[in-house]
Amino acid sequence: METNLIQLKELFHLEDQDLRSYSPLTLAYIGDGVYELIIRTILVKKGNCPVNRLHKKASSLVKAGAQSAIMEVIEEELTPEELSVYRRGRNAHSHATMADYRRATGFEALMGYLYLKEDYTRMLTLVRMGIGEDIL
């Protein structure tokens, strides 16, 4: 994945930006896509099955309640830097007012931050910690 991201950056002439300059909702925007791709990859690599079953399982793992539950598991394991990103995302103004959606937005911001930071090992470690073995 790291080699592919380097190629992406080279092919499209992308320059690294100061991650602190991104709004928490921008981080959540990319983090949402990254997290969904991780979940879809795990499900597909677990074995071939009907697409509607894959979609149903993926949907149950990427919804706000599931992401909120992941944060309950991993929050104490976050570094101070990660916790700061999560809190910024959690406190970002969104259309949703429920606690799950706020925590989910914080989680997505954290995933986006780690992805843009290219810290894939940490990102996958936190996802693995959060979803556990039995969930898939």
Protein backbone atom coordinates (compact mmCIF):
# COMPACT_ATOMS: atom_id res chain seq x y z
CA MET A 1 0.00 0.00 0.00
CA GLU A 2 2.82 2.39 0.79
CA THR A 3 4.39 1.92 -2.66
CA ASN A 4 1.03 2.55 -4.31
CA LEU A 5 0.51 5.76 -2.36
CA ILE A 6 3.97 6.94 -3.39
CA GLN A 7 3.00 6.23 -7.00
CA LEU A 8 -0.28 8.10 -6.52
CA LYS A 9 1.58 11.11 -5.18
CA GLU A 10 4.09 11.02 -8.04
CA LEU A 11 1.59 10.46 -10.85
CA PHE A 12 -0.71 13.26 -9.71
CA HIS A 13 2.05 15.59 -8.47
CA LEU A 14 0.67 15.65 -4.93
CA GLU A 15 2.64 17.37 -2.22
CA ASP A 16 2.49 16.62 1.48
CA GLN A 17 0.47 19.14 3.44
CA ASP A 18 0.60 20.07 7.09
CA LEU A 19 -2.00 17.72 8.55
CA ARG A 20 -2.81 20.25 11.27
CA SER A 21 -4.21 22.53 8.57
CA TYR A 22 -6.98 20.08 7.63
CA SER A 23 -10.39 20.55 9.15
CA PRO A 24 -11.63 17.61 11.22
CA LEU A 25 -14.50 17.07 8.78
CA THR A 26 -12.04 16.87 5.88
CA LEU A 27 -10.08 14.24 7.81
CA ALA A 28 -13.35 12.42 8.55
CA TYR A 29 -14.28 12.57 4.85
CA ILE A 30 -11.20 10.65 3.75
CA GLY A 31 -11.17 8.52 6.91
CA ASP A 32 -14.67 7.27 6.14
CA GLY A 33 -13.53 6.01 2.73
CA VAL A 34 -10.32 4.50 4.06
CA TYR A 35 -12.10 2.65 6.87
CA GLU A 36 -14.75 1.32 4.48
CA LEU A 37 -12.02 0.10 2.11
CA ILE A 38 -10.28 -1.70 5.00
CA ILE A 39 -13.53 -3.43 6.01
CA ARG A 40 -14.42 -4.37 2.42
CA THR A 41 -10.93 -5.74 1.85
CA ILE A 42 -11.12 -7.89 4.99
CA LEU A 43 -14.54 -9.26 4.05
CA VAL A 44 -13.61 -10.05 0.44
CA LYS A 45 -10.31 -11.66 1.44
CA LYS A 46 -12.19 -13.87 3.93
CA GLY A 47 -13.77 -15.62 0.97
CA ASN A 48 -16.08 -15.31 -1.97
CA CYS A 49 -19.74 -14.87 -1.10
CA PRO A 50 -22.78 -13.09 -2.52
CA VAL A 51 -22.38 -9.33 -2.84
CA ASN A 52 -25.58 -8.65 -0.88
CA ARG A 53 -24.12 -10.56 2.08
CA LEU A 54 -20.85 -8.61 1.78
CA HIS A 55 -22.77 -5.34 1.66
CA LYS A 56 -24.91 -6.23 4.68
CA LYS A 57 -21.87 -7.20 6.76
CA ALA A 58 -19.86 -4.15 5.66
CA SER A 59 -22.78 -1.83 6.37
CA SER A 60 -23.07 -3.19 9.89
CA LEU A 61 -19.37 -2.44 10.51
CA VAL A 62 -19.14 1.03 8.98
CA LYS A 63 -22.25 2.55 10.52
CA ALA A 64 -21.88 5.16 13.24
CA GLY A 65 -22.83 2.80 16.08
CA ALA A 66 -20.10 0.32 15.13
CA GLN A 67 -17.50 3.06 14.80
CA SER A 68 -18.56 4.46 18.16
CA ALA A 69 -18.12 1.01 19.71
CA ILE A 70 -14.62 0.81 18.21
CA MET A 71 -13.74 4.12 19.86
CA GLU A 72 -14.86 2.75 23.23
CA VAL A 73 -12.32 -0.05 22.76
CA ILE A 74 -9.37 1.94 21.41
CA GLU A 75 -9.68 5.38 23.04
CA GLU A 76 -7.43 4.52 25.98
CA GLU A 77 -4.77 3.22 23.56
CA LEU A 78 -4.47 6.45 21.57
CA THR A 79 -1.37 8.58 21.70
CA PRO A 80 -1.82 12.20 22.81
CA GLU A 81 -1.55 13.30 19.16
CA GLU A 82 -4.18 10.76 18.04
CA LEU A 83 -6.46 11.68 20.92
CA SER A 84 -6.26 15.33 19.90
CA VAL A 85 -7.27 14.50 16.32
CA TYR A 86 -10.09 12.28 17.56
CA ARG A 87 -11.42 15.00 19.88
CA ARG A 88 -11.29 17.61 17.12
CA GLY A 89 -13.29 15.27 14.91
CA ARG A 90 -15.72 14.36 17.65
CA ASN A 91 -16.39 18.00 18.41
CA ALA A 92 -16.76 19.08 14.79
CA HIS A 93 -20.12 20.52 13.92
CA SER A 94 -22.12 18.02 11.94
CA HIS A 95 -25.78 17.57 11.18
CA ALA A 96 -26.02 14.72 13.64
CA THR A 97 -26.34 15.37 17.34
CA MET A 98 -26.23 11.86 18.76
CA ALA A 99 -23.19 10.73 20.73
CA ASP A 100 -22.57 7.79 18.35
CA TYR A 101 -22.32 10.08 15.35
CA ARG A 102 -19.97 12.42 17.17
CA ARG A 103 -17.67 9.57 18.18
CA ALA A 104 -17.92 8.08 14.69
CA THR A 105 -16.88 11.38 13.14
CA GLY A 106 -13.94 11.51 15.55
CA PHE A 107 -13.01 7.96 14.56
CA GLU A 108 -13.22 8.80 10.86
CA ALA A 109 -11.08 11.90 11.41
CA LEU A 110 -8.49 9.75 13.17
CA MET A 111 -8.49 7.23 10.30
CA GLY A 112 -8.10 10.06 7.77
CA TYR A 113 -5.28 11.59 9.76
CA LEU A 114 -3.37 8.31 10.04
CA TYR A 115 -3.92 7.60 6.34
CA LEU A 116 -2.66 11.02 5.27
CA LYS A 117 0.22 10.68 7.71
CA GLU A 118 0.93 7.35 5.96
CA ASP A 119 0.98 5.54 9.29
CA TYR A 120 -0.81 2.48 7.92
CA THR A 121 0.52 0.12 10.56
CA ARG A 122 -1.00 2.20 13.35
CA MET A 123 -4.25 2.66 11.42
CA LEU A 124 -4.64 -1.09 10.87
CA THR A 125 -3.59 -1.87 14.45
CA LEU A 126 -6.32 0.37 15.83
CA VAL A 127 -8.95 -1.05 13.46
CA ARG A 128 -7.92 -4.59 14.41
CA MET A 129 -8.06 -3.72 18.10
CA GLY A 130 -11.46 -2.13 17.67
CA ILE A 131 -13.22 -4.80 15.62
CA GLY A 132 -11.71 -7.81 17.35
CA GLU A 133 -11.46 -11.28 15.84
CA ASP A 134 -15.00 -12.52 16.23
CA ILE A 135 -16.76 -9.63 14.51
CA LEU A 136 -15.83 -10.72 10.99
